[in-house]
Amino acid sequence: MPGLEEVLDAFDRGLLWMAVADRIPKPPQATRLVGPSARNFIRPRVFDGLAGMVHLHLSEAGHAAPDIAWSGSPGLALPEEWEKSMDDALDAAVADTPDTAPLRALLAGSDRVSA
């Protein structure tokens, strides 16, 4: 299974919509979609998968910790910089023309942050 860096490299090589997203299972009603319709349908799944890889990366690096809230659902406590910027960086990475620079900048800065 490819790691986060390999996935971002594939996005940068223009493979997000041709190679990566095509491997994500689609429900039967979406199998006939092509072009922008297909991308818009699958984009949330790619976003969630990439977010999961980032969460795993931050957890393994010791920059994120489980957040068990008795009044809500459990989650992951992220460094403040990530809380502010992660969704925008992920949106840029899974855009029609992917831009992984914002996400890579956050990842480069993860050596300087703590949870």
C-alpha atoms as a PDB file:
ATOM      1  CA  MET A   1       0.000   0.000   0.000  1.00  0.00           C
ATOM      2  CA  PRO A   2       1.447   3.396  -0.913  1.00  0.00           C
ATOM      3  CA  GLY A   3       2.306   5.847   1.827  1.00  0.00           C
ATOM      4  CA  LEU A   4       1.222   9.476   2.128  1.00  0.00           C
ATOM      5  CA  GLU A   5       4.258  10.829   0.267  1.00  0.00           C
ATOM      6  CA  GLU A   6       3.718   8.393  -2.609  1.00  0.00           C
ATOM      7  CA  VAL A   7       0.047   9.375  -2.872  1.00  0.00           C
ATOM      8  CA  LEU A   8       0.929  13.087  -2.949  1.00  0.00           C
ATOM      9  CA  ASP A   9       3.582  12.382  -5.596  1.00  0.00           C
ATOM     10  CA  ALA A  10       0.932  10.602  -7.696  1.00  0.00           C
ATOM     11  CA  PHE A  11      -1.385  13.615  -7.331  1.00  0.00           C
ATOM     12  CA  ASP A  12       1.460  15.889  -8.475  1.00  0.00           C
ATOM     13  CA  ARG A  13       2.066  13.690 -11.526  1.00  0.00           C
ATOM     14  CA  GLY A  14      -1.565  14.174 -12.564  1.00  0.00           C
ATOM     15  CA  LEU A  15      -2.655  10.682 -11.583  1.00  0.00           C
ATOM     16  CA  LEU A  16      -5.330  11.589  -9.028  1.00  0.00           C
ATOM     17  CA  TRP A  17      -8.292  11.268 -11.355  1.00  0.00           C
ATOM     18  CA  MET A  18      -6.828   8.681 -13.749  1.00  0.00           C
ATOM     19  CA  ALA A  19      -5.187   6.223 -11.369  1.00  0.00           C
ATOM     20  CA  VAL A  20      -5.985   6.947  -7.737  1.00  0.00           C
ATOM     21  CA  ALA A  21      -9.703   7.786  -7.819  1.00  0.00           C
ATOM     22  CA  ASP A  22     -10.412   5.020 -10.334  1.00  0.00           C
ATOM     23  CA  ARG A  23      -9.339   2.477  -7.702  1.00  0.00           C
ATOM     24  CA  ILE A  24     -11.917   3.645  -5.176  1.00  0.00           C
ATOM     25  CA  PRO A  25     -15.042   1.473  -5.236  1.00  0.00           C
ATOM     26  CA  LYS A  26     -18.107   3.269  -6.565  1.00  0.00           C
ATOM     27  CA  PRO A  27     -21.736   2.379  -6.018  1.00  0.00           C
ATOM     28  CA  PRO A  28     -23.482   0.919  -9.075  1.00  0.00           C
ATOM     29  CA  GLN A  29     -25.319   4.172  -9.889  1.00  0.00           C
ATOM     30  CA  ALA A  30     -21.983   6.027 -10.170  1.00  0.00           C
ATOM     31  CA  THR A  31     -20.136   3.590 -12.420  1.00  0.00           C
ATOM     32  CA  ARG A  32     -21.496   5.267 -15.561  1.00  0.00           C
ATOM     33  CA  LEU A  33     -20.365   8.768 -14.538  1.00  0.00           C
ATOM     34  CA  VAL A  34     -17.421  10.324 -16.363  1.00  0.00           C
ATOM     35  CA  GLY A  35     -15.507  13.596 -16.318  1.00  0.00           C
ATOM     36  CA  PRO A  36     -16.537  16.316 -13.871  1.00  0.00           C
ATOM     37  CA  SER A  37     -19.597  14.356 -12.711  1.00  0.00           C
ATOM     38  CA  ALA A  38     -17.452  11.398 -11.724  1.00  0.00           C
ATOM     39  CA  ARG A  39     -14.872  13.641 -10.003  1.00  0.00           C
ATOM     40  CA  ASN A  40     -17.543  15.473  -8.019  1.00  0.00           C
ATOM     41  CA  PHE A  41     -19.063  12.182  -6.922  1.00  0.00           C
ATOM     42  CA  ILE A  42     -15.781  10.605  -5.803  1.00  0.00           C
ATOM     43  CA  ARG A  43     -14.037  13.761  -4.447  1.00  0.00           C
ATOM     44  CA  PRO A  44     -15.465  13.419  -0.875  1.00  0.00           C
ATOM     45  CA  ARG A  45     -14.170   9.852  -0.682  1.00  0.00           C
ATOM     46  CA  VAL A  46     -10.714  10.888  -1.896  1.00  0.00           C
ATOM     47  CA  PHE A  47     -10.771  13.796   0.594  1.00  0.00           C
ATOM     48  CA  ASP A  48     -11.692  11.459   3.473  1.00  0.00           C
ATOM     49  CA  GLY A  49      -9.080   8.879   2.488  1.00  0.00           C
ATOM     50  CA  LEU A  50      -6.350  11.495   2.238  1.00  0.00           C
ATOM     51  CA  ALA A  51      -7.434  13.031   5.570  1.00  0.00           C
ATOM     52  CA  GLY A  52      -7.175   9.581   7.150  1.00  0.00           C
ATOM     53  CA  MET A  53      -3.651   9.171   5.804  1.00  0.00           C
ATOM     54  CA  VAL A  54      -2.698  12.588   7.193  1.00  0.00           C
ATOM     55  CA  HIS A  55      -4.234  11.739  10.587  1.00  0.00           C
ATOM     56  CA  LEU A  56      -2.288   8.487  10.654  1.00  0.00           C
ATOM     57  CA  HIS A  57       0.924  10.313   9.720  1.00  0.00           C
ATOM     58  CA  LEU A  58       0.405  12.879  12.508  1.00  0.00           C
ATOM     59  CA  SER A  59      -0.460  10.173  15.030  1.00  0.00           C
ATOM     60  CA  GLU A  60       2.618   8.128  14.162  1.00  0.00           C
ATOM     61  CA  ALA A  61       4.769  11.274  14.473  1.00  0.00           C
ATOM     62  CA  GLY A  62       3.296  11.984  17.919  1.00  0.00           C
ATOM     63  CA  HIS A  63       1.564  15.191  16.808  1.00  0.00           C
ATOM     64  CA  ALA A  64      -2.012  14.020  17.289  1.00  0.00           C
ATOM     65  CA  ALA A  65      -3.753  12.229  20.104  1.00  0.00           C
ATOM     66  CA  PRO A  66      -7.141  10.615  20.640  1.00  0.00           C
ATOM     67  CA  ASP A  67      -9.762  13.107  21.777  1.00  0.00           C
ATOM     68  CA  ILE A  68     -12.368  11.303  23.829  1.00  0.00           C
ATOM     69  CA  ALA A  69     -15.267  13.638  24.466  1.00  0.00           C
ATOM     70  CA  TRP A  70     -17.924  12.311  26.796  1.00  0.00           C
ATOM     71  CA  SER A  71     -20.508  14.648  25.361  1.00  0.00           C
ATOM     72  CA  GLY A  72     -19.723  14.030  21.697  1.00  0.00           C
ATOM     73  CA  SER A  73     -18.143  11.574  19.366  1.00  0.00           C
ATOM     74  CA  PRO A  74     -14.486  10.644  19.722  1.00  0.00           C
ATOM     75  CA  GLY A  75     -11.997  12.204  17.382  1.00  0.00           C
ATOM     76  CA  LEU A  76      -8.405  13.242  17.036  1.00  0.00           C
ATOM     77  CA  ALA A  77      -6.819  16.255  18.700  1.00  0.00           C
ATOM     78  CA  LEU A  78      -4.637  17.982  16.115  1.00  0.00           C
ATOM     79  CA  PRO A  79      -2.097  20.772  16.532  1.00  0.00           C
ATOM     80  CA  GLU A  80      -3.700  24.219  16.227  1.00  0.00           C
ATOM     81  CA  GLU A  81      -1.968  24.954  12.899  1.00  0.00           C
ATOM     82  CA  TRP A  82      -3.495  21.788  11.441  1.00  0.00           C
ATOM     83  CA  GLU A  83      -6.953  22.542  12.821  1.00  0.00           C
ATOM     84  CA  LYS A  84      -6.888  25.910  11.044  1.00  0.00           C
ATOM     85  CA  SER A  85      -5.405  24.841   7.704  1.00  0.00           C
ATOM     86  CA  MET A  86      -5.988  21.149   7.070  1.00  0.00           C
ATOM     87  CA  ASP A  87      -9.364  21.297   5.285  1.00  0.00           C
ATOM     88  CA  ASP A  88      -8.173  24.006   2.871  1.00  0.00           C
ATOM     89  CA  ALA A  89      -4.973  22.057   2.179  1.00  0.00           C
ATOM     90  CA  LEU A  90      -6.941  18.862   1.535  1.00  0.00           C
ATOM     91  CA  ASP A  91      -9.401  20.730  -0.717  1.00  0.00           C
ATOM     92  CA  ALA A  92      -6.460  22.015  -2.787  1.00  0.00           C
ATOM     93  CA  ALA A  93      -4.978  18.510  -3.021  1.00  0.00           C
ATOM     94  CA  VAL A  94      -8.202  16.949  -4.329  1.00  0.00           C
ATOM     95  CA  ALA A  95      -9.171  19.788  -6.682  1.00  0.00           C
ATOM     96  CA  ASP A  96      -9.714  19.173 -10.404  1.00  0.00           C
ATOM     97  CA  THR A  97      -6.133  20.405 -10.811  1.00  0.00           C
ATOM     98  CA  PRO A  98      -4.511  19.110  -7.620  1.00  0.00           C
ATOM     99  CA  ASP A  99      -2.170  21.370  -5.654  1.00  0.00           C
ATOM    100  CA  THR A 100      -0.374  19.479  -2.908  1.00  0.00           C
ATOM    101  CA  ALA A 101       1.866  22.422  -1.924  1.00  0.00           C
ATOM    102  CA  PRO A 102      -0.320  23.612   1.001  1.00  0.00           C
ATOM    103  CA  LEU A 103      -0.536  20.095   2.432  1.00  0.00           C
ATOM    104  CA  ARG A 104       3.183  19.485   1.923  1.00  0.00           C
ATOM    105  CA  ALA A 105       3.928  22.794   3.699  1.00  0.00           C
ATOM    106  CA  LEU A 106       1.874  21.647   6.683  1.00  0.00           C
ATOM    107  CA  LEU A 107       3.621  18.278   6.659  1.00  0.00           C
ATOM    108  CA  ALA A 108       7.031  19.973   6.536  1.00  0.00           C
ATOM    109  CA  GLY A 109       6.032  22.067   9.537  1.00  0.00           C
ATOM    110  CA  SER A 110       4.813  19.042  11.494  1.00  0.00           C
ATOM    111  CA  ASP A 111       8.344  18.544  12.811  1.00  0.00           C
ATOM    112  CA  ARG A 112       7.991  21.853  14.661  1.00  0.00           C
ATOM    113  CA  VAL A 113       4.563  21.376  16.256  1.00  0.00           C
ATOM    114  CA  SER A 114       3.199  19.335  19.095  1.00  0.00           C
ATOM    115  CA  ALA A 115      -0.276  18.095  19.929  1.00  0.00           C
END
